[in-house]
Every structure is written in structure tokens, then in C-alpha cells.
Amino acid sequence: MKKVLFSLVVLIFTSFVFHSKAQTQEKDNFEFFDTVINNHNQLFQMSCIPSAVEMILKYYKLVDFDFYGLQNEWKNKTDGSFRDFDNKQLYGITFSQ
């Protein structure tokens, strides 16, 4: 009886694991997200904030992959924050905190 019960538990668990893996397959959207992230560069040491905004614009295909206009404007600004983009509309997207 214990062997039958154990076999049944293993069978159910195995089918659950296979079903879970089928549900977590990557979709094309994730591949594009990886492409955006892996091909984007932070140009200046202090330009991480505009760099993040540029990645969002690239993800939504609003700008080309070679767009670095926000970072070129920001450069190494040390007194900036995400507040600089709060309620600012860029290419049809309004950023907010």
C-alpha cells in the first residue's frame, strides 16, 4: 500500500512539475526586453536615471536603439533625480513617481 501511495504521489508531482515548466516558457516579449537591456549603454558615470528612461522608451519602440539623447543632455549631472522626469511626457509616455 505504501509503494502504491508513494508511486501515486511521484506521478502527481511529476505531472505538476511538467505543467509548471510549460507555463513558464519564455515569450517573444522577454527576448525583446533582453535585447533592449543588453544593447543599451550608460554613457556617463552619473547618467543612470536618463539611461533607465531611455531603456523604457526603447522597450516601447518609441525611439531607435541608438537613441542616447537624454544621457547626452544629462551627462554627469550630480544633482538630478527621477523627479526631473516626474509628470514629464516623452514620446507619448508620461513618467511619474
C-alpha atoms as a PDB file:
ATOM      1  CA  MET A   1       0.000   0.000   0.000  1.00  0.00           C
ATOM      2  CA  LYS A   2       2.841   2.399   0.847  1.00  0.00           C
ATOM      3  CA  LYS A   3       4.526   1.706  -2.512  1.00  0.00           C
ATOM      4  CA  VAL A   4       1.309   2.438  -4.375  1.00  0.00           C
ATOM      5  CA  LEU A   5       0.749   5.652  -2.447  1.00  0.00           C
ATOM      6  CA  PHE A   6       4.362   6.726  -2.998  1.00  0.00           C
ATOM      7  CA  SER A   7       4.089   5.962  -6.729  1.00  0.00           C
ATOM      8  CA  LEU A   8       0.886   7.965  -6.952  1.00  0.00           C
ATOM      9  CA  VAL A   9       2.485  10.962  -5.195  1.00  0.00           C
ATOM     10  CA  VAL A  10       5.515  10.804  -7.518  1.00  0.00           C
ATOM     11  CA  LEU A  11       3.258  10.616 -10.569  1.00  0.00           C
ATOM     12  CA  ILE A  12       1.164  13.604  -9.484  1.00  0.00           C
ATOM     13  CA  PHE A  13       4.241  15.647  -8.545  1.00  0.00           C
ATOM     14  CA  THR A  14       5.940  14.853 -11.871  1.00  0.00           C
ATOM     15  CA  SER A  15       2.918  15.927 -13.883  1.00  0.00           C
ATOM     16  CA  PHE A  16       2.714  19.123 -11.808  1.00  0.00           C
ATOM     17  CA  VAL A  17       6.383  19.925 -12.483  1.00  0.00           C
ATOM     18  CA  PHE A  18       5.975  19.415 -16.240  1.00  0.00           C
ATOM     19  CA  HIS A  19       2.841  21.566 -16.228  1.00  0.00           C
ATOM     20  CA  SER A  20       4.659  24.321 -14.311  1.00  0.00           C
ATOM     21  CA  LYS A  21       7.537  24.359 -16.782  1.00  0.00           C
ATOM     22  CA  ALA A  22       5.110  24.615 -19.665  1.00  0.00           C
ATOM     23  CA  GLN A  23       3.535  27.669 -18.041  1.00  0.00           C
ATOM     24  CA  THR A  24       6.865  29.481 -17.643  1.00  0.00           C
ATOM     25  CA  GLN A  25       8.174  29.272 -21.187  1.00  0.00           C
ATOM     26  CA  GLU A  26       9.718  32.495 -22.419  1.00  0.00           C
ATOM     27  CA  LYS A  27       7.657  34.581 -24.727  1.00  0.00           C
ATOM     28  CA  ASP A  28       8.955  36.778 -27.539  1.00  0.00           C
ATOM     29  CA  ASN A  29       8.387  39.838 -25.350  1.00  0.00           C
ATOM     30  CA  PHE A  30      11.045  38.688 -22.883  1.00  0.00           C
ATOM     31  CA  GLU A  31      13.547  38.165 -25.689  1.00  0.00           C
ATOM     32  CA  PHE A  32      12.949  41.714 -26.911  1.00  0.00           C
ATOM     33  CA  PHE A  33      13.314  43.005 -23.333  1.00  0.00           C
ATOM     34  CA  ASP A  34      16.674  41.229 -23.064  1.00  0.00           C
ATOM     35  CA  THR A  35      17.723  42.701 -26.408  1.00  0.00           C
ATOM     36  CA  VAL A  36      16.880  46.219 -25.244  1.00  0.00           C
ATOM     37  CA  ILE A  37      18.702  45.813 -21.935  1.00  0.00           C
ATOM     38  CA  ASN A  38      21.773  44.055 -23.322  1.00  0.00           C
ATOM     39  CA  ASN A  39      22.268  46.523 -26.175  1.00  0.00           C
ATOM     40  CA  HIS A  40      21.795  49.716 -24.185  1.00  0.00           C
ATOM     41  CA  ASN A  41      24.778  51.560 -22.725  1.00  0.00           C
ATOM     42  CA  GLN A  42      25.115  54.005 -19.892  1.00  0.00           C
ATOM     43  CA  LEU A  43      27.354  56.676 -21.391  1.00  0.00           C
ATOM     44  CA  PHE A  44      28.339  58.624 -18.286  1.00  0.00           C
ATOM     45  CA  GLN A  45      29.020  57.575 -14.723  1.00  0.00           C
ATOM     46  CA  MET A  46      26.148  59.677 -13.364  1.00  0.00           C
ATOM     47  CA  SER A  47      23.622  59.174 -16.186  1.00  0.00           C
ATOM     48  CA  CYS A  48      21.834  56.103 -14.796  1.00  0.00           C
ATOM     49  CA  ILE A  49      18.499  57.917 -14.398  1.00  0.00           C
ATOM     50  CA  PRO A  50      18.153  59.083 -18.015  1.00  0.00           C
ATOM     51  CA  SER A  51      19.593  55.740 -19.091  1.00  0.00           C
ATOM     52  CA  ALA A  52      16.676  53.963 -17.376  1.00  0.00           C
ATOM     53  CA  VAL A  53      14.187  56.289 -19.076  1.00  0.00           C
ATOM     54  CA  GLU A  54      15.840  55.635 -22.452  1.00  0.00           C
ATOM     55  CA  MET A  55      15.502  51.877 -21.933  1.00  0.00           C
ATOM     56  CA  ILE A  56      11.767  52.283 -21.316  1.00  0.00           C
ATOM     57  CA  LEU A  57      11.399  54.328 -24.493  1.00  0.00           C
ATOM     58  CA  LYS A  58      13.359  51.707 -26.433  1.00  0.00           C
ATOM     59  CA  TYR A  59      11.289  48.876 -24.957  1.00  0.00           C
ATOM     60  CA  TYR A  60       8.096  50.501 -26.189  1.00  0.00           C
ATOM     61  CA  LYS A  61       9.744  51.084 -29.597  1.00  0.00           C
ATOM     62  CA  LEU A  62       9.288  54.839 -29.358  1.00  0.00           C
ATOM     63  CA  VAL A  63      12.932  55.592 -30.153  1.00  0.00           C
ATOM     64  CA  ASP A  64      15.669  53.802 -32.084  1.00  0.00           C
ATOM     65  CA  PHE A  65      18.235  51.559 -30.429  1.00  0.00           C
ATOM     66  CA  ASP A  66      20.909  54.218 -30.982  1.00  0.00           C
ATOM     67  CA  PHE A  67      18.974  56.912 -29.057  1.00  0.00           C
ATOM     68  CA  TYR A  68      21.033  58.432 -26.231  1.00  0.00           C
ATOM     69  CA  GLY A  69      19.668  61.980 -26.274  1.00  0.00           C
ATOM     70  CA  LEU A  70      18.625  62.083 -22.621  1.00  0.00           C
ATOM     71  CA  GLN A  71      22.028  60.936 -21.389  1.00  0.00           C
ATOM     72  CA  ASN A  72      23.867  63.340 -23.689  1.00  0.00           C
ATOM     73  CA  GLU A  73      21.828  66.183 -22.219  1.00  0.00           C
ATOM     74  CA  TRP A  74      22.277  64.953 -18.614  1.00  0.00           C
ATOM     75  CA  LYS A  75      25.991  63.991 -18.851  1.00  0.00           C
ATOM     76  CA  ASN A  76      27.446  63.769 -15.304  1.00  0.00           C
ATOM     77  CA  LYS A  77      24.825  65.896 -13.566  1.00  0.00           C
ATOM     78  CA  THR A  78      25.074  65.126  -9.848  1.00  0.00           C
ATOM     79  CA  ASP A  79      22.042  66.990  -8.544  1.00  0.00           C
ATOM     80  CA  GLY A  80      19.419  65.172 -10.612  1.00  0.00           C
ATOM     81  CA  SER A  81      16.841  62.589  -9.634  1.00  0.00           C
ATOM     82  CA  PHE A  82      13.803  60.816 -11.038  1.00  0.00           C
ATOM     83  CA  ARG A  83      11.871  63.948 -10.043  1.00  0.00           C
ATOM     84  CA  ASP A  84      13.351  65.544 -13.157  1.00  0.00           C
ATOM     85  CA  PHE A  85      11.102  63.190 -15.150  1.00  0.00           C
ATOM     86  CA  ASP A  86       8.060  63.339 -12.836  1.00  0.00           C
ATOM     87  CA  ASN A  87       4.911  64.190 -14.836  1.00  0.00           C
ATOM     88  CA  LYS A  88       7.067  64.725 -17.919  1.00  0.00           C
ATOM     89  CA  GLN A  89       5.758  63.408 -21.220  1.00  0.00           C
ATOM     90  CA  LEU A  90       8.323  61.979 -23.620  1.00  0.00           C
ATOM     91  CA  TYR A  91       7.309  60.418 -26.929  1.00  0.00           C
ATOM     92  CA  GLY A  92       3.757  59.854 -25.713  1.00  0.00           C
ATOM     93  CA  ILE A  93       4.602  58.324 -22.316  1.00  0.00           C
ATOM     94  CA  THR A  94       4.107  60.320 -19.127  1.00  0.00           C
ATOM     95  CA  PHE A  95       6.572  59.388 -16.409  1.00  0.00           C
ATOM     96  CA  SER A  96       5.521  59.714 -12.785  1.00  0.00           C
ATOM     97  CA  GLN A  97       6.756  58.660  -9.381  1.00  0.00           C
END
